[in-house]
Amino acid sequence: MTHRYYKRPWDESRGGAFDAWGRSLWYFEVDDDGYPVRQIEQYENGRVLRYDANHVEDEYGGLGDQPLDLPDFASFEITGKEFAAA
């Protein structure tokens, strides 16, 4: 199985009680079918959320359960090293 990595900015805040978190960068490690295996969300206020098979969800969100649209994400591909550094 080959994993691919992506980093994509989200230019809107979460809204509601989490609006002060600000905009975010989303990192994804996906499997061959585009399903997230690991996910990192880094917010402007310094908050970082991490999800994987051992931590699928919490009170703030969870690991994506749908495949990414890989052609849409193509320009956001990064290396495994960059993902690991996040």
PDB file of N, CA and C in Angstrom:
ATOM      1  N   MET A   1       0.834  -1.175   0.000  1.00  0.00           N
ATOM      2  CA  MET A   1       0.000   0.000   0.000  1.00  0.00           C
ATOM      3  C   MET A   1       0.882   1.244   0.000  1.00  0.00           C
ATOM      4  N   THR A   2       0.581   2.149  -0.883  1.00  0.00           N
ATOM      5  CA  THR A   2       1.315   3.398  -0.994  1.00  0.00           C
ATOM      6  C   THR A   2       0.497   4.524  -0.377  1.00  0.00           C
ATOM      7  N   HIS A   3       1.119   5.314   0.446  1.00  0.00           N
ATOM      8  CA  HIS A   3       0.426   6.457   1.037  1.00  0.00           C
ATOM      9  C   HIS A   3       0.872   7.729   0.340  1.00  0.00           C
ATOM     10  N   ARG A   4      -0.056   8.676   0.244  1.00  0.00           N
ATOM     11  CA  ARG A   4       0.233   9.979  -0.320  1.00  0.00           C
ATOM     12  C   ARG A   4      -0.106  11.020   0.734  1.00  0.00           C
ATOM     13  N   TYR A   5       0.466  12.199   0.592  1.00  0.00           N
ATOM     14  CA  TYR A   5       0.357  13.231   1.621  1.00  0.00           C
ATOM     15  C   TYR A   5      -0.068  14.559   0.989  1.00  0.00           C
ATOM     16  N   TYR A   6      -0.900  15.275   1.726  1.00  0.00           N
ATOM     17  CA  TYR A   6      -1.423  16.543   1.234  1.00  0.00           C
ATOM     18  C   TYR A   6      -1.470  17.576   2.355  1.00  0.00           C
ATOM     19  N   LYS A   7      -1.317  18.831   1.976  1.00  0.00           N
ATOM     20  CA  LYS A   7      -1.428  19.963   2.904  1.00  0.00           C
ATOM     21  C   LYS A   7      -2.306  20.999   2.209  1.00  0.00           C
ATOM     22  N   ARG A   8      -3.445  21.292   2.846  1.00  0.00           N
ATOM     23  CA  ARG A   8      -4.378  22.208   2.204  1.00  0.00           C
ATOM     24  C   ARG A   8      -4.868  23.253   3.199  1.00  0.00           C
ATOM     25  N   PRO A   9      -4.800  24.531   2.810  1.00  0.00           N
ATOM     26  CA  PRO A   9      -5.298  25.579   3.698  1.00  0.00           C
ATOM     27  C   PRO A   9      -6.825  25.627   3.682  1.00  0.00           C
ATOM     28  N   TRP A  10      -7.376  25.981   4.815  1.00  0.00           N
ATOM     29  CA  TRP A  10      -8.814  26.234   4.925  1.00  0.00           C
ATOM     30  C   TRP A  10      -8.928  27.679   5.382  1.00  0.00           C
ATOM     31  N   ASP A  11      -9.473  28.526   4.516  1.00  0.00           N
ATOM     32  CA  ASP A  11      -9.455  29.964   4.756  1.00  0.00           C
ATOM     33  C   ASP A  11     -10.657  30.491   5.532  1.00  0.00           C
ATOM     34  N   GLU A  12     -11.429  29.602   6.118  1.00  0.00           N
ATOM     35  CA  GLU A  12     -12.561  30.021   6.940  1.00  0.00           C
ATOM     36  C   GLU A  12     -12.369  29.472   8.345  1.00  0.00           C
ATOM     37  N   SER A  13     -12.913  30.191   9.324  1.00  0.00           N
ATOM     38  CA  SER A  13     -12.824  29.690  10.691  1.00  0.00           C
ATOM     39  C   SER A  13     -13.856  28.581  10.894  1.00  0.00           C
ATOM     40  N   ARG A  14     -13.763  27.883  12.010  1.00  0.00           N
ATOM     41  CA  ARG A  14     -14.698  26.805  12.329  1.00  0.00           C
ATOM     42  C   ARG A  14     -16.085  27.339  12.654  1.00  0.00           C
ATOM     43  N   GLY A  15     -16.156  28.589  13.090  1.00  0.00           N
ATOM     44  CA  GLY A  15     -17.435  29.175  13.449  1.00  0.00           C
ATOM     45  C   GLY A  15     -17.851  28.797  14.857  1.00  0.00           C
ATOM     46  N   GLY A  16     -18.958  29.356  15.294  1.00  0.00           N
ATOM     47  CA  GLY A  16     -19.511  29.052  16.602  1.00  0.00           C
ATOM     48  C   GLY A  16     -18.519  29.270  17.730  1.00  0.00           C
ATOM     49  N   ALA A  17     -18.531  28.355  18.685  1.00  0.00           N
ATOM     50  CA  ALA A  17     -17.668  28.447  19.869  1.00  0.00           C
ATOM     51  C   ALA A  17     -16.186  28.369  19.517  1.00  0.00           C
ATOM     52  N   PHE A  18     -15.862  27.887  18.317  1.00  0.00           N
ATOM     53  CA  PHE A  18     -14.470  27.707  17.910  1.00  0.00           C
ATOM     54  C   PHE A  18     -14.010  28.762  16.904  1.00  0.00           C
ATOM     55  N   ASP A  19     -14.806  29.797  16.706  1.00  0.00           N
ATOM     56  CA  ASP A  19     -14.491  30.823  15.719  1.00  0.00           C
ATOM     57  C   ASP A  19     -13.141  31.483  15.974  1.00  0.00           C
ATOM     58  N   ALA A  20     -12.787  31.642  17.247  1.00  0.00           N
ATOM     59  CA  ALA A  20     -11.521  32.297  17.602  1.00  0.00           C
ATOM     60  C   ALA A  20     -10.300  31.468  17.227  1.00  0.00           C
ATOM     61  N   TRP A  21     -10.491  30.211  16.871  1.00  0.00           N
ATOM     62  CA  TRP A  21      -9.355  29.380  16.453  1.00  0.00           C
ATOM     63  C   TRP A  21      -8.744  29.909  15.166  1.00  0.00           C
ATOM     64  N   GLY A  22      -9.551  30.551  14.326  1.00  0.00           N
ATOM     65  CA  GLY A  22      -9.064  31.122  13.080  1.00  0.00           C
ATOM     66  C   GLY A  22      -8.993  30.122  11.939  1.00  0.00           C
ATOM     67  N   ARG A  23      -8.284  30.526  10.905  1.00  0.00           N
ATOM     68  CA  ARG A  23      -8.103  29.666   9.722  1.00  0.00           C
ATOM     69  C   ARG A  23      -7.186  28.506  10.071  1.00  0.00           C
ATOM     70  N   SER A  24      -7.081  27.548   9.138  1.00  0.00           N
ATOM     71  CA  SER A  24      -6.311  26.345   9.469  1.00  0.00           C
ATOM     72  C   SER A  24      -5.607  25.762   8.254  1.00  0.00           C
ATOM     73  N   LEU A  25      -4.627  24.915   8.548  1.00  0.00           N
ATOM     74  CA  LEU A  25      -3.963  24.073   7.552  1.00  0.00           C
ATOM     75  C   LEU A  25      -4.346  22.639   7.878  1.00  0.00           C
ATOM     76  N   TRP A  26      -4.762  21.907   6.876  1.00  0.00           N
ATOM     77  CA  TRP A  26      -5.134  20.508   7.054  1.00  0.00           C
ATOM     78  C   TRP A  26      -4.110  19.636   6.340  1.00  0.00           C
ATOM     79  N   TYR A  27      -3.597  18.652   7.062  1.00  0.00           N
ATOM     80  CA  TYR A  27      -2.646  17.687   6.520  1.00  0.00           C
ATOM     81  C   TYR A  27      -3.330  16.329   6.480  1.00  0.00           C
ATOM     82  N   PHE A  28      -3.154  15.616   5.382  1.00  0.00           N
ATOM     83  CA  PHE A  28      -3.737  14.292   5.232  1.00  0.00           C
ATOM     84  C   PHE A  28      -2.697  13.286   4.771  1.00  0.00           C
ATOM     85  N   GLU A  29      -2.709  12.121   5.360  1.00  0.00           N
ATOM     86  CA  GLU A  29      -2.030  10.942   4.819  1.00  0.00           C
ATOM     87  C   GLU A  29      -3.154  10.038   4.353  1.00  0.00           C
ATOM     88  N   VAL A  30      -3.151   9.667   3.077  1.00  0.00           N
ATOM     89  CA  VAL A  30      -4.245   8.867   2.533  1.00  0.00           C
ATOM     90  C   VAL A  30      -3.732   7.557   1.953  1.00  0.00           C
ATOM     91  N   ASP A  31      -4.632   6.561   1.906  1.00  0.00           N
ATOM     92  CA  ASP A  31      -4.289   5.267   1.320  1.00  0.00           C
ATOM     93  C   ASP A  31      -4.494   5.314  -0.195  1.00  0.00           C
ATOM     94  N   ASP A  32      -4.338   4.161  -0.849  1.00  0.00           N
ATOM     95  CA  ASP A  32      -4.448   4.091  -2.303  1.00  0.00           C
ATOM     96  C   ASP A  32      -5.802   4.560  -2.825  1.00  0.00           C
ATOM     97  N   ASP A  33      -6.842   4.413  -2.020  1.00  0.00           N
ATOM     98  CA  ASP A  33      -8.191   4.798  -2.435  1.00  0.00           C
ATOM     99  C   ASP A  33      -8.550   6.227  -2.040  1.00  0.00           C
ATOM    100  N   GLY A  34      -7.617   6.943  -1.409  1.00  0.00           N
ATOM    101  CA  GLY A  34      -7.844   8.327  -1.034  1.00  0.00           C
ATOM    102  C   GLY A  34      -8.462   8.527   0.337  1.00  0.00           C
ATOM    103  N   TYR A  35      -8.654   7.433   1.092  1.00  0.00           N
ATOM    104  CA  TYR A  35      -9.214   7.563   2.445  1.00  0.00           C
ATOM    105  C   TYR A  35      -8.140   8.046   3.422  1.00  0.00           C
ATOM    106  N   PRO A  36      -8.465   9.016   4.262  1.00  0.00           N
ATOM    107  CA  PRO A  36      -7.498   9.483   5.256  1.00  0.00           C
ATOM    108  C   PRO A  36      -7.095   8.374   6.231  1.00  0.00           C
ATOM    109  N   VAL A  37      -5.794   8.248   6.448  1.00  0.00           N
ATOM    110  CA  VAL A  37      -5.223   7.305   7.407  1.00  0.00           C
ATOM    111  C   VAL A  37      -4.795   8.076   8.655  1.00  0.00           C
ATOM    112  N   ARG A  38      -4.231   9.255   8.420  1.00  0.00           N
ATOM    113  CA  ARG A  38      -3.874  10.180   9.493  1.00  0.00           C
ATOM    114  C   ARG A  38      -4.245  11.588   9.035  1.00  0.00           C
ATOM    115  N   GLN A  39      -4.601  12.428   9.992  1.00  0.00           N
ATOM    116  CA  GLN A  39      -5.050  13.779   9.679  1.00  0.00           C
ATOM    117  C   GLN A  39      -4.589  14.723  10.778  1.00  0.00           C
ATOM    118  N   ILE A  40      -4.096  15.896  10.370  1.00  0.00           N
ATOM    119  CA  ILE A  40      -3.655  16.929  11.307  1.00  0.00           C
ATOM    120  C   ILE A  40      -4.323  18.237  10.899  1.00  0.00           C
ATOM    121  N   GLU A  41      -4.845  18.946  11.886  1.00  0.00           N
ATOM    122  CA  GLU A  41      -5.425  20.261  11.652  1.00  0.00           C
ATOM    123  C   GLU A  41      -4.682  21.257  12.528  1.00  0.00           C
ATOM    124  N   GLN A  42      -4.047  22.256  11.917  1.00  0.00           N
ATOM    125  CA  GLN A  42      -3.308  23.287  12.647  1.00  0.00           C
ATOM    126  C   GLN A  42      -4.040  24.616  12.485  1.00  0.00           C
ATOM    127  N   TYR A  43      -4.426  25.212  13.615  1.00  0.00           N
ATOM    128  CA  TYR A  43      -5.196  26.452  13.605  1.00  0.00           C
ATOM    129  C   TYR A  43      -4.322  27.652  13.934  1.00  0.00           C
ATOM    130  N   GLU A  44      -4.758  28.827  13.495  1.00  0.00           N
ATOM    131  CA  GLU A  44      -4.010  30.072  13.711  1.00  0.00           C
ATOM    132  C   GLU A  44      -3.731  30.351  15.182  1.00  0.00           C
ATOM    133  N   ASN A  45      -4.613  29.934  16.076  1.00  0.00           N
ATOM    134  CA  ASN A  45      -4.417  30.221  17.502  1.00  0.00           C
ATOM    135  C   ASN A  45      -3.454  29.234  18.167  1.00  0.00           C
ATOM    136  N   GLY A  46      -2.880  28.313  17.375  1.00  0.00           N
ATOM    137  CA  GLY A  46      -1.922  27.349  17.903  1.00  0.00           C
ATOM    138  C   GLY A  46      -2.511  25.982  18.223  1.00  0.00           C
ATOM    139  N   ARG A  47      -3.817  25.855  18.211  1.00  0.00           N
ATOM    140  CA  ARG A  47      -4.478  24.572  18.489  1.00  0.00           C
ATOM    141  C   ARG A  47      -4.158  23.587  17.371  1.00  0.00           C
ATOM    142  N   VAL A  48      -3.843  22.342  17.740  1.00  0.00           N
ATOM    143  CA  VAL A  48      -3.559  21.285  16.770  1.00  0.00           C
ATOM    144  C   VAL A  48      -4.409  20.069  17.124  1.00  0.00           C
ATOM    145  N   LEU A  49      -5.123  19.556  16.139  1.00  0.00           N
ATOM    146  CA  LEU A  49      -5.919  18.344  16.303  1.00  0.00           C
ATOM    147  C   LEU A  49      -5.292  17.247  15.454  1.00  0.00           C
ATOM    148  N   ARG A  50      -5.208  16.033  16.007  1.00  0.00           N
ATOM    149  CA  ARG A  50      -4.617  14.903  15.286  1.00  0.00           C
ATOM    150  C   ARG A  50      -5.560  13.717  15.381  1.00  0.00           C
ATOM    151  N   TYR A  51      -5.716  13.014  14.250  1.00  0.00           N
ATOM    152  CA  TYR A  51      -6.582  11.845  14.205  1.00  0.00           C
ATOM    153  C   TYR A  51      -5.907  10.730  13.420  1.00  0.00           C
ATOM    154  N   ASP A  52      -6.146   9.504  13.870  1.00  0.00           N
ATOM    155  CA  ASP A  52      -5.667   8.304  13.176  1.00  0.00           C
ATOM    156  C   ASP A  52      -6.509   7.131  13.654  1.00  0.00           C
ATOM    157  N   ALA A  53      -6.111   5.911  13.310  1.00  0.00           N
ATOM    158  CA  ALA A  53      -6.885   4.722  13.674  1.00  0.00           C
ATOM    159  C   ALA A  53      -7.007   4.540  15.188  1.00  0.00           C
ATOM    160  N   ASN A  54      -6.039   5.051  15.946  1.00  0.00           N
ATOM    161  CA  ASN A  54      -6.079   4.926  17.401  1.00  0.00           C
ATOM    162  C   ASN A  54      -6.820   6.079  18.088  1.00  0.00           C
ATOM    163  N   HIS A  55      -7.054   7.152  17.354  1.00  0.00           N
ATOM    164  CA  HIS A  55      -7.774   8.323  17.879  1.00  0.00           C
ATOM    165  C   HIS A  55      -8.648   8.838  16.734  1.00  0.00           C
ATOM    166  N   VAL A  56      -9.788   8.189  16.544  1.00  0.00           N
ATOM    167  CA  VAL A  56     -10.633   8.453  15.383  1.00  0.00           C
ATOM    168  C   VAL A  56     -11.444   9.729  15.533  1.00  0.00           C
ATOM    169  N   GLU A  57     -11.886  10.037  16.772  1.00  0.00           N
ATOM    170  CA  GLU A  57     -12.670  11.244  16.955  1.00  0.00           C
ATOM    171  C   GLU A  57     -12.585  11.740  18.394  1.00  0.00           C
ATOM    172  N   ASP A  58     -12.970  12.993  18.561  1.00  0.00           N
ATOM    173  CA  ASP A  58     -13.064  13.594  19.886  1.00  0.00           C
ATOM    174  C   ASP A  58     -14.151  14.653  19.833  1.00  0.00           C
ATOM    175  N   GLU A  59     -14.234  15.493  20.846  1.00  0.00           N
ATOM    176  CA  GLU A  59     -15.299  16.482  20.910  1.00  0.00           C
ATOM    177  C   GLU A  59     -15.171  17.585  19.861  1.00  0.00           C
ATOM    178  N   TYR A  60     -14.041  17.660  19.147  1.00  0.00           N
ATOM    179  CA  TYR A  60     -13.819  18.705  18.161  1.00  0.00           C
ATOM    180  C   TYR A  60     -14.011  18.239  16.719  1.00  0.00           C
ATOM    181  N   GLY A  61     -13.950  16.947  16.486  1.00  0.00           N
ATOM    182  CA  GLY A  61     -14.062  16.435  15.129  1.00  0.00           C
ATOM    183  C   GLY A  61     -13.546  15.022  15.045  1.00  0.00           C
ATOM    184  N   GLY A  62     -13.077  14.651  13.848  1.00  0.00           N
ATOM    185  CA  GLY A  62     -12.579  13.299  13.686  1.00  0.00           C
ATOM    186  C   GLY A  62     -11.909  13.081  12.351  1.00  0.00           C
ATOM    187  N   LEU A  63     -11.348  11.899  12.228  1.00  0.00           N
ATOM    188  CA  LEU A  63     -10.688  11.461  10.995  1.00  0.00           C
ATOM    189  C   LEU A  63     -11.716  11.392   9.879  1.00  0.00           C
ATOM    190  N   GLY A  64     -11.382  11.947   8.733  1.00  0.00           N
ATOM    191  CA  GLY A  64     -12.296  11.906   7.597  1.00  0.00           C
ATOM    192  C   GLY A  64     -12.691  10.481   7.254  1.00  0.00           C
ATOM    193  N   ASP A  65     -13.971  10.284   6.966  1.00  0.00           N
ATOM    194  CA  ASP A  65     -14.458   8.938   6.643  1.00  0.00           C
ATOM    195  C   ASP A  65     -14.838   8.791   5.174  1.00  0.00           C
ATOM    196  N   GLN A  66     -14.515   9.804   4.370  1.00  0.00           N
ATOM    197  CA  GLN A  66     -14.763   9.774   2.942  1.00  0.00           C
ATOM    198  C   GLN A  66     -13.436   9.979   2.209  1.00  0.00           C
ATOM    199  N   PRO A  67     -13.298   9.397   1.013  1.00  0.00           N
ATOM    200  CA  PRO A  67     -12.040   9.603   0.282  1.00  0.00           C
ATOM    201  C   PRO A  67     -11.911  11.044  -0.199  1.00  0.00           C
ATOM    202  N   LEU A  68     -10.669  11.525  -0.235  1.00  0.00           N
ATOM    203  CA  LEU A  68     -10.412  12.839  -0.811  1.00  0.00           C
ATOM    204  C   LEU A  68     -10.595  12.756  -2.317  1.00  0.00           C
ATOM    205  N   ASP A  69     -10.976  13.857  -2.930  1.00  0.00           N
ATOM    206  CA  ASP A  69     -11.047  13.947  -4.384  1.00  0.00           C
ATOM    207  C   ASP A  69      -9.610  14.193  -4.851  1.00  0.00           C
ATOM    208  N   LEU A  70      -8.887  13.113  -5.124  1.00  0.00           N
ATOM    209  CA  LEU A  70      -7.443  13.218  -5.379  1.00  0.00           C
ATOM    210  C   LEU A  70      -7.087  14.155  -6.527  1.00  0.00           C
ATOM    211  N   PRO A  71      -7.826  14.177  -7.642  1.00  0.00           N
ATOM    212  CA  PRO A  71      -7.490  15.173  -8.674  1.00  0.00           C
ATOM    213  C   PRO A  71      -7.617  16.605  -8.151  1.00  0.00           C
ATOM    214  N   ASP A  72      -8.594  16.863  -7.296  1.00  0.00           N
ATOM    215  CA  ASP A  72      -8.779  18.189  -6.724  1.00  0.00           C
ATOM    216  C   ASP A  72      -7.640  18.547  -5.757  1.00  0.00           C
ATOM    217  N   PHE A  73      -7.050  17.544  -5.130  1.00  0.00           N
ATOM    218  CA  PHE A  73      -5.978  17.760  -4.156  1.00  0.00           C
ATOM    219  C   PHE A  73      -4.578  17.708  -4.785  1.00  0.00           C
ATOM    220  N   ALA A  74      -4.473  17.414  -6.061  1.00  0.00           N
ATOM    221  CA  ALA A  74      -3.172  17.193  -6.708  1.00  0.00           C
ATOM    222  C   ALA A  74      -2.178  18.332  -6.472  1.00  0.00           C
ATOM    223  N   SER A  75      -2.637  19.561  -6.537  1.00  0.00           N
ATOM    224  CA  SER A  75      -1.704  20.692  -6.374  1.00  0.00           C
ATOM    225  C   SER A  75      -1.305  20.916  -4.924  1.00  0.00           C
ATOM    226  N   PHE A  76      -1.883  20.151  -3.997  1.00  0.00           N
ATOM    227  CA  PHE A  76      -1.579  20.287  -2.573  1.00  0.00           C
ATOM    228  C   PHE A  76      -0.723  19.135  -2.050  1.00  0.00           C
ATOM    229  N   GLU A  77      -0.214  18.291  -2.952  1.00  0.00           N
ATOM    230  CA  GLU A  77       0.575  17.139  -2.515  1.00  0.00           C
ATOM    231  C   GLU A  77       1.901  17.585  -1.914  1.00  0.00           C
ATOM    232  N   ILE A  78       2.298  16.916  -0.834  1.00  0.00           N
ATOM    233  CA  ILE A  78       3.553  17.195  -0.138  1.00  0.00           C
ATOM    234  C   ILE A  78       4.290  15.878   0.075  1.00  0.00           C
ATOM    235  N   THR A  79       5.466  15.953   0.651  1.00  0.00           N
ATOM    236  CA  THR A  79       6.237  14.742   0.937  1.00  0.00           C
ATOM    237  C   THR A  79       5.835  14.154   2.297  1.00  0.00           C
ATOM    238  N   GLY A  80       6.160  12.895   2.485  1.00  0.00           N
ATOM    239  CA  GLY A  80       5.949  12.259   3.776  1.00  0.00           C
ATOM    240  C   GLY A  80       6.753  12.958   4.867  1.00  0.00           C
ATOM    241  N   LYS A  81       7.927  13.478   4.529  1.00  0.00           N
ATOM    242  CA  LYS A  81       8.750  14.190   5.512  1.00  0.00           C
ATOM    243  C   LYS A  81       8.054  15.457   5.995  1.00  0.00           C
ATOM    244  N   GLU A  82       7.433  16.177   5.078  1.00  0.00           N
ATOM    245  CA  GLU A  82       6.728  17.399   5.468  1.00  0.00           C
ATOM    246  C   GLU A  82       5.527  17.059   6.355  1.00  0.00           C
ATOM    247  N   PHE A  83       4.826  15.982   6.025  1.00  0.00           N
ATOM    248  CA  PHE A  83       3.720  15.556   6.875  1.00  0.00           C
ATOM    249  C   PHE A  83       4.233  15.203   8.264  1.00  0.00           C
ATOM    250  N   ALA A  84       5.302  14.427   8.335  1.00  0.00           N
ATOM    251  CA  ALA A  84       5.856  14.012   9.622  1.00  0.00           C
ATOM    252  C   ALA A  84       6.309  15.209  10.452  1.00  0.00           C
ATOM    253  N   ALA A  85       6.826  16.252   9.804  1.00  0.00           N
ATOM    254  CA  ALA A  85       7.276  17.437  10.521  1.00  0.00           C
ATOM    255  C   ALA A  85       6.100  18.188  11.153  1.00  0.00           C
ATOM    256  N   ALA A  86       4.926  18.067  10.546  1.00  0.00           N
ATOM    257  CA  ALA A  86       3.734  18.734  11.096  1.00  0.00           C
ATOM    258  C   ALA A  86       3.297  18.032  12.365  1.00  0.00           C
TER     259      ALA A  86
END
